[in-house]
Amino acid sequence: MLTAIIVVVILMTPSLLQDVFRLPPSSVQLANLAGAAVLCFSTLATAVATDRFGFRRVTLMLLPFLAIATYALYMGAERFPSLLLPLYTFAGVGAGAAVLAPLIMVRAFPPPVRFSGVSFSYNISYAVFGGLTPVAVSWFAHLNPLSPAHYITAVTALGWVSIWKAPTTPLSEEIQRGSSITSDDKNSHETAQAERSSPL
């Protein structure tokens, strides 16, 4: 999901808009700059919102918003090119959903293996999909101008399902809770043995 949002919405869209819709480079670059600037604030706001409201509530609102914004960007570029700047800004807000992927990865690994777990999963996925996404999206874009939006929608749907299937409690907390329960059981067992062995 992170790869799709950053690569397609931010990095590839300017060239696609120029090649597919024949938009002037100056207006496309200005709109892309506005979208990237808004993305910086959107990722921060998304992270704060997940801390306050939880991953699932934010996902329920933000991922459909991203899909709608991407469709609006590509459909607007074809029919209303004069609205490219606000539409790209709109898409930049939705692209803040890119931060959900690293946040969920950090929660998925306990502290002893968090660095290696996040770095391995992040780099492998980014290498595979970061290499395949530009080729696939560029090829499909010449067949269907809305194919980048279709791709983003498919990836966000997969991300939505993955986040909703993920445990609500971080794995590290579950491990710590299990350790504390085991420790409490051990202490209770030792206390019971001491009481049975103590003289009346």
C-alpha atoms as a PDB file:
ATOM      1  CA  MET A   1       0.000   0.000   0.000  1.00  0.00           C
ATOM      2  CA  LEU A   2       2.832   2.389   0.837  1.00  0.00           C
ATOM      3  CA  THR A   3       4.555   1.643  -2.469  1.00  0.00           C
ATOM      4  CA  ALA A   4       1.376   2.067  -4.485  1.00  0.00           C
ATOM      5  CA  ILE A   5       0.462   5.400  -2.932  1.00  0.00           C
ATOM      6  CA  ILE A   6       3.869   7.038  -3.117  1.00  0.00           C
ATOM      7  CA  VAL A   7       4.963   5.608  -6.462  1.00  0.00           C
ATOM      8  CA  VAL A   8       1.672   6.026  -8.328  1.00  0.00           C
ATOM      9  CA  VAL A   9       0.016   9.095  -6.801  1.00  0.00           C
ATOM     10  CA  ILE A  10       3.115  11.208  -6.141  1.00  0.00           C
ATOM     11  CA  LEU A  11       5.910   9.987  -8.425  1.00  0.00           C
ATOM     12  CA  MET A  12       4.235   8.582 -11.550  1.00  0.00           C
ATOM     13  CA  THR A  13       1.132  10.721 -11.905  1.00  0.00           C
ATOM     14  CA  PRO A  14       2.912  13.843 -13.278  1.00  0.00           C
ATOM     15  CA  SER A  15       4.370  11.945 -16.228  1.00  0.00           C
ATOM     16  CA  LEU A  16       1.138  10.015 -16.762  1.00  0.00           C
ATOM     17  CA  LEU A  17      -0.915  13.192 -16.848  1.00  0.00           C
ATOM     18  CA  GLN A  18       1.402  14.647 -19.463  1.00  0.00           C
ATOM     19  CA  ASP A  19       1.641  11.519 -21.599  1.00  0.00           C
ATOM     20  CA  VAL A  20      -1.960  10.330 -21.421  1.00  0.00           C
ATOM     21  CA  PHE A  21      -3.923  13.567 -21.101  1.00  0.00           C
ATOM     22  CA  ARG A  22      -1.443  15.925 -22.804  1.00  0.00           C
ATOM     23  CA  LEU A  23      -1.484  18.426 -19.956  1.00  0.00           C
ATOM     24  CA  PRO A  24       1.151  21.204 -19.880  1.00  0.00           C
ATOM     25  CA  PRO A  25       4.198  20.345 -17.743  1.00  0.00           C
ATOM     26  CA  SER A  26       4.088  23.611 -15.784  1.00  0.00           C
ATOM     27  CA  SER A  27       0.564  23.065 -14.433  1.00  0.00           C
ATOM     28  CA  VAL A  28       1.246  19.393 -13.734  1.00  0.00           C
ATOM     29  CA  GLN A  29       4.426  20.134 -11.775  1.00  0.00           C
ATOM     30  CA  LEU A  30       2.718  22.853  -9.759  1.00  0.00           C
ATOM     31  CA  ALA A  31      -0.155  20.538  -8.896  1.00  0.00           C
ATOM     32  CA  ASN A  32       2.270  17.744  -7.987  1.00  0.00           C
ATOM     33  CA  LEU A  33       4.187  20.107  -5.714  1.00  0.00           C
ATOM     34  CA  ALA A  34       0.969  21.058  -3.941  1.00  0.00           C
ATOM     35  CA  GLY A  35      -0.016  17.394  -3.553  1.00  0.00           C
ATOM     36  CA  ALA A  36       3.398  16.457  -2.138  1.00  0.00           C
ATOM     37  CA  ALA A  37       3.311  19.380   0.292  1.00  0.00           C
ATOM     38  CA  VAL A  38      -0.138  18.418   1.541  1.00  0.00           C
ATOM     39  CA  LEU A  39       1.041  14.806   1.851  1.00  0.00           C
ATOM     40  CA  CYS A  40       3.632  15.867   4.444  1.00  0.00           C
ATOM     41  CA  PHE A  41       0.938  17.273   6.715  1.00  0.00           C
ATOM     42  CA  SER A  42      -1.535  14.520   5.914  1.00  0.00           C
ATOM     43  CA  THR A  43       0.807  11.743   7.064  1.00  0.00           C
ATOM     44  CA  LEU A  44       1.366  13.543  10.364  1.00  0.00           C
ATOM     45  CA  ALA A  45      -2.364  14.077  10.851  1.00  0.00           C
ATOM     46  CA  THR A  46      -3.051  10.425  10.013  1.00  0.00           C
ATOM     47  CA  ALA A  47      -0.516   9.210  12.577  1.00  0.00           C
ATOM     48  CA  VAL A  48      -2.001  11.457  15.262  1.00  0.00           C
ATOM     49  CA  ALA A  49      -5.511  10.289  14.370  1.00  0.00           C
ATOM     50  CA  THR A  50      -4.541   6.612  14.699  1.00  0.00           C
ATOM     51  CA  ASP A  51      -3.171   7.287  18.180  1.00  0.00           C
ATOM     52  CA  ARG A  52      -6.377   8.988  19.211  1.00  0.00           C
ATOM     53  CA  PHE A  53      -9.083   7.043  17.378  1.00  0.00           C
ATOM     54  CA  GLY A  54      -7.415   3.735  16.495  1.00  0.00           C
ATOM     55  CA  PHE A  55      -6.265   2.139  13.243  1.00  0.00           C
ATOM     56  CA  ARG A  56      -9.605   0.726  12.199  1.00  0.00           C
ATOM     57  CA  ARG A  57     -11.589   3.924  12.507  1.00  0.00           C
ATOM     58  CA  VAL A  58      -8.989   5.917  10.592  1.00  0.00           C
ATOM     59  CA  THR A  59      -8.723   3.206   7.934  1.00  0.00           C
ATOM     60  CA  LEU A  60     -12.485   3.105   7.515  1.00  0.00           C
ATOM     61  CA  MET A  61     -12.492   6.793   6.618  1.00  0.00           C
ATOM     62  CA  LEU A  62      -9.140   7.412   4.935  1.00  0.00           C
ATOM     63  CA  LEU A  63      -8.749   4.529   2.475  1.00  0.00           C
ATOM     64  CA  PRO A  64     -12.100   5.098   0.724  1.00  0.00           C
ATOM     65  CA  PHE A  65     -11.217   8.796   0.677  1.00  0.00           C
ATOM     66  CA  LEU A  66      -7.938   7.952  -1.075  1.00  0.00           C
ATOM     67  CA  ALA A  67      -9.701   5.869  -3.729  1.00  0.00           C
ATOM     68  CA  ILE A  68     -12.261   8.602  -4.394  1.00  0.00           C
ATOM     69  CA  ALA A  69      -9.561  11.285  -4.528  1.00  0.00           C
ATOM     70  CA  THR A  70      -7.485   9.283  -7.017  1.00  0.00           C
ATOM     71  CA  TYR A  71     -10.470   8.733  -9.293  1.00  0.00           C
ATOM     72  CA  ALA A  72     -11.333  12.408  -9.030  1.00  0.00           C
ATOM     73  CA  LEU A  73      -7.773  13.356  -9.974  1.00  0.00           C
ATOM     74  CA  TYR A  74      -7.653  11.233 -13.125  1.00  0.00           C
ATOM     75  CA  MET A  75     -11.219  11.883 -14.214  1.00  0.00           C
ATOM     76  CA  GLY A  76     -10.797  15.584 -13.555  1.00  0.00           C
ATOM     77  CA  ALA A  77      -7.541  15.677 -15.496  1.00  0.00           C
ATOM     78  CA  GLU A  78      -9.393  14.304 -18.502  1.00  0.00           C
ATOM     79  CA  ARG A  79     -12.561  16.399 -18.269  1.00  0.00           C
ATOM     80  CA  PHE A  80     -11.678  19.466 -16.153  1.00  0.00           C
ATOM     81  CA  PRO A  81      -7.933  20.155 -16.504  1.00  0.00           C
ATOM     82  CA  SER A  82      -8.376  23.614 -15.005  1.00  0.00           C
ATOM     83  CA  LEU A  83      -9.174  21.942 -11.654  1.00  0.00           C
ATOM     84  CA  LEU A  84      -5.944  19.952 -11.584  1.00  0.00           C
ATOM     85  CA  LEU A  85      -4.416  21.900  -8.686  1.00  0.00           C
ATOM     86  CA  PRO A  86      -7.269  21.391  -6.173  1.00  0.00           C
ATOM     87  CA  LEU A  87      -7.778  17.805  -7.321  1.00  0.00           C
ATOM     88  CA  TYR A  88      -4.121  16.948  -6.767  1.00  0.00           C
ATOM     89  CA  THR A  89      -4.262  18.627  -3.381  1.00  0.00           C
ATOM     90  CA  PHE A  90      -7.311  16.502  -2.609  1.00  0.00           C
ATOM     91  CA  ALA A  91      -5.341  13.406  -3.618  1.00  0.00           C
ATOM     92  CA  GLY A  92      -2.420  14.517  -1.449  1.00  0.00           C
ATOM     93  CA  VAL A  93      -4.688  14.467   1.585  1.00  0.00           C
ATOM     94  CA  GLY A  94      -5.774  10.917   0.781  1.00  0.00           C
ATOM     95  CA  ALA A  95      -2.170   9.872   0.154  1.00  0.00           C
ATOM     96  CA  GLY A  96      -1.543  10.385   3.856  1.00  0.00           C
ATOM     97  CA  ALA A  97      -2.822   6.813   4.164  1.00  0.00           C
ATOM     98  CA  ALA A  98       0.686   5.741   3.135  1.00  0.00           C
ATOM     99  CA  VAL A  99       1.756   6.099   6.764  1.00  0.00           C
ATOM    100  CA  LEU A 100      -0.643   3.338   7.852  1.00  0.00           C
ATOM    101  CA  ALA A 101       1.641   0.635   6.444  1.00  0.00           C
ATOM    102  CA  PRO A 102       4.757   1.431   8.518  1.00  0.00           C
ATOM    103  CA  LEU A 103       2.625   2.089  11.588  1.00  0.00           C
ATOM    104  CA  ILE A 104       1.008  -1.333  11.375  1.00  0.00           C
ATOM    105  CA  MET A 105       4.414  -2.949  10.762  1.00  0.00           C
ATOM    106  CA  VAL A 106       5.847  -1.378  13.906  1.00  0.00           C
ATOM    107  CA  ARG A 107       2.913  -2.715  15.911  1.00  0.00           C
ATOM    108  CA  ALA A 108       3.264  -6.186  14.373  1.00  0.00           C
ATOM    109  CA  PHE A 109       6.738  -6.960  15.741  1.00  0.00           C
ATOM    110  CA  PRO A 110       7.785  -7.177  19.398  1.00  0.00           C
ATOM    111  CA  PRO A 111      10.663  -4.907  20.491  1.00  0.00           C
ATOM    112  CA  PRO A 112      13.449  -7.559  20.428  1.00  0.00           C
ATOM    113  CA  VAL A 113      12.964  -8.182  16.679  1.00  0.00           C
ATOM    114  CA  ARG A 114      11.210  -4.981  15.635  1.00  0.00           C
ATOM    115  CA  PHE A 115      14.108  -3.419  13.739  1.00  0.00           C
ATOM    116  CA  SER A 116      14.960  -6.549  11.753  1.00  0.00           C
ATOM    117  CA  GLY A 117      11.300  -7.458  11.194  1.00  0.00           C
ATOM    118  CA  VAL A 118      10.256  -4.055   9.898  1.00  0.00           C
ATOM    119  CA  SER A 119      13.373  -3.555   7.778  1.00  0.00           C
ATOM    120  CA  PHE A 120      13.128  -7.004   6.173  1.00  0.00           C
ATOM    121  CA  SER A 121       9.418  -6.851   5.368  1.00  0.00           C
ATOM    122  CA  TYR A 122       9.558  -3.222   4.240  1.00  0.00           C
ATOM    123  CA  ASN A 123      12.566  -3.601   1.956  1.00  0.00           C
ATOM    124  CA  ILE A 124      11.442  -6.865   0.383  1.00  0.00           C
ATOM    125  CA  SER A 125       7.969  -5.531  -0.397  1.00  0.00           C
ATOM    126  CA  TYR A 126       9.320  -2.206  -1.637  1.00  0.00           C
ATOM    127  CA  ALA A 127      11.877  -3.942  -3.889  1.00  0.00           C
ATOM    128  CA  VAL A 128       9.266  -6.229  -5.456  1.00  0.00           C
ATOM    129  CA  PHE A 129       6.335  -3.871  -5.841  1.00  0.00           C
ATOM    130  CA  GLY A 130       8.476  -0.787  -6.337  1.00  0.00           C
ATOM    131  CA  GLY A 131       9.972  -2.470  -9.386  1.00  0.00           C
ATOM    132  CA  LEU A 132       6.784  -3.969 -10.807  1.00  0.00           C
ATOM    133  CA  THR A 133       4.353  -1.132 -10.128  1.00  0.00           C
ATOM    134  CA  PRO A 134       5.784   1.483 -12.551  1.00  0.00           C
ATOM    135  CA  VAL A 135       5.965  -1.031 -15.402  1.00  0.00           C
ATOM    136  CA  ALA A 136       2.458  -2.382 -14.851  1.00  0.00           C
ATOM    137  CA  VAL A 137       0.782   0.982 -14.256  1.00  0.00           C
ATOM    138  CA  SER A 138       2.490   2.630 -17.228  1.00  0.00           C
ATOM    139  CA  TRP A 139       1.444  -0.188 -19.544  1.00  0.00           C
ATOM    140  CA  PHE A 140      -2.160  -0.270 -18.348  1.00  0.00           C
ATOM    141  CA  ALA A 141      -2.432   3.532 -18.410  1.00  0.00           C
ATOM    142  CA  HIS A 142      -2.102   3.526 -22.202  1.00  0.00           C
ATOM    143  CA  LEU A 143      -4.912   0.985 -22.421  1.00  0.00           C
ATOM    144  CA  ASN A 144      -7.209   2.702 -19.917  1.00  0.00           C
ATOM    145  CA  PRO A 145      -6.553   6.230 -18.622  1.00  0.00           C
ATOM    146  CA  LEU A 146      -8.172   5.365 -15.291  1.00  0.00           C
ATOM    147  CA  SER A 147      -6.071   2.249 -14.671  1.00  0.00           C
ATOM    148  CA  PRO A 148      -3.803   4.021 -12.103  1.00  0.00           C
ATOM    149  CA  ALA A 149      -6.931   4.824 -10.085  1.00  0.00           C
ATOM    150  CA  HIS A 150      -8.097   1.215 -10.474  1.00  0.00           C
ATOM    151  CA  TYR A 151      -4.733   0.036  -9.173  1.00  0.00           C
ATOM    152  CA  ILE A 152      -4.851   2.354  -6.153  1.00  0.00           C
ATOM    153  CA  THR A 153      -8.399   1.228  -5.361  1.00  0.00           C
ATOM    154  CA  ALA A 154      -7.434  -2.450  -5.520  1.00  0.00           C
ATOM    155  CA  VAL A 155      -4.425  -1.923  -3.276  1.00  0.00           C
ATOM    156  CA  THR A 156      -6.365   0.158  -0.755  1.00  0.00           C
ATOM    157  CA  ALA A 157      -9.084  -2.504  -0.639  1.00  0.00           C
ATOM    158  CA  LEU A 158      -6.437  -5.121   0.121  1.00  0.00           C
ATOM    159  CA  GLY A 159      -4.910  -2.838   2.748  1.00  0.00           C
ATOM    160  CA  TRP A 160      -8.320  -2.200   4.289  1.00  0.00           C
ATOM    161  CA  VAL A 161      -8.958  -5.932   4.661  1.00  0.00           C
ATOM    162  CA  SER A 162      -5.455  -6.539   6.044  1.00  0.00           C
ATOM    163  CA  ILE A 163      -5.761  -3.832   8.688  1.00  0.00           C
ATOM    164  CA  TRP A 164      -9.211  -5.019   9.748  1.00  0.00           C
ATOM    165  CA  LYS A 165      -7.932  -8.592  10.015  1.00  0.00           C
ATOM    166  CA  ALA A 166      -4.889  -7.515  12.034  1.00  0.00           C
ATOM    167  CA  PRO A 167      -5.062  -7.889  15.831  1.00  0.00           C
ATOM    168  CA  THR A 168      -6.257  -4.812  17.678  1.00  0.00           C
ATOM    169  CA  THR A 169      -3.567  -5.250  20.346  1.00  0.00           C
ATOM    170  CA  PRO A 170       0.098  -4.934  19.383  1.00  0.00           C
ATOM    171  CA  LEU A 171       1.950  -8.251  19.383  1.00  0.00           C
ATOM    172  CA  SER A 172       4.480  -6.901  21.866  1.00  0.00           C
ATOM    173  CA  GLU A 173       1.700  -6.180  24.371  1.00  0.00           C
ATOM    174  CA  GLU A 174       0.252  -9.663  23.898  1.00  0.00           C
ATOM    175  CA  ILE A 175       3.677 -11.212  24.555  1.00  0.00           C
ATOM    176  CA  GLN A 176       4.177  -9.065  27.637  1.00  0.00           C
ATOM    177  CA  ARG A 177       0.675  -9.923  28.848  1.00  0.00           C
ATOM    178  CA  GLY A 178       1.351 -13.607  28.318  1.00  0.00           C
ATOM    179  CA  SER A 179       4.630 -13.321  30.204  1.00  0.00           C
ATOM    180  CA  SER A 180       2.944 -11.536  33.097  1.00  0.00           C
ATOM    181  CA  ILE A 181       0.184 -14.167  33.241  1.00  0.00           C
ATOM    182  CA  THR A 182       2.797 -16.935  33.237  1.00  0.00           C
ATOM    183  CA  SER A 183       4.718 -15.152  35.982  1.00  0.00           C
ATOM    184  CA  ASP A 184       1.545 -14.688  38.057  1.00  0.00           C
ATOM    185  CA  ASP A 185       0.646 -18.353  37.636  1.00  0.00           C
ATOM    186  CA  LYS A 186       4.158 -19.346  38.690  1.00  0.00           C
ATOM    187  CA  ASN A 187       3.993 -17.102  41.752  1.00  0.00           C
ATOM    188  CA  SER A 188       0.562 -18.467  42.689  1.00  0.00           C
ATOM    189  CA  HIS A 189       1.829 -22.018  42.299  1.00  0.00           C
ATOM    190  CA  GLU A 190       4.877 -21.323  44.484  1.00  0.00           C
ATOM    191  CA  THR A 191       2.674 -19.655  47.100  1.00  0.00           C
ATOM    192  CA  ALA A 192       0.318 -22.622  47.186  1.00  0.00           C
ATOM    193  CA  GLN A 193       3.225 -25.031  47.576  1.00  0.00           C
ATOM    194  CA  ALA A 194       4.648 -22.948  50.404  1.00  0.00           C
ATOM    195  CA  GLU A 195       1.292 -22.914  52.191  1.00  0.00           C
ATOM    196  CA  ARG A 196       0.931 -26.688  51.866  1.00  0.00           C
ATOM    197  CA  SER A 197       4.465 -27.330  53.121  1.00  0.00           C
ATOM    198  CA  SER A 198       4.241 -24.894  56.036  1.00  0.00           C
ATOM    199  CA  PRO A 199       3.558 -26.454  59.490  1.00  0.00           C
ATOM    200  CA  LEU A 200       0.093 -26.026  60.975  1.00  0.00           C
END
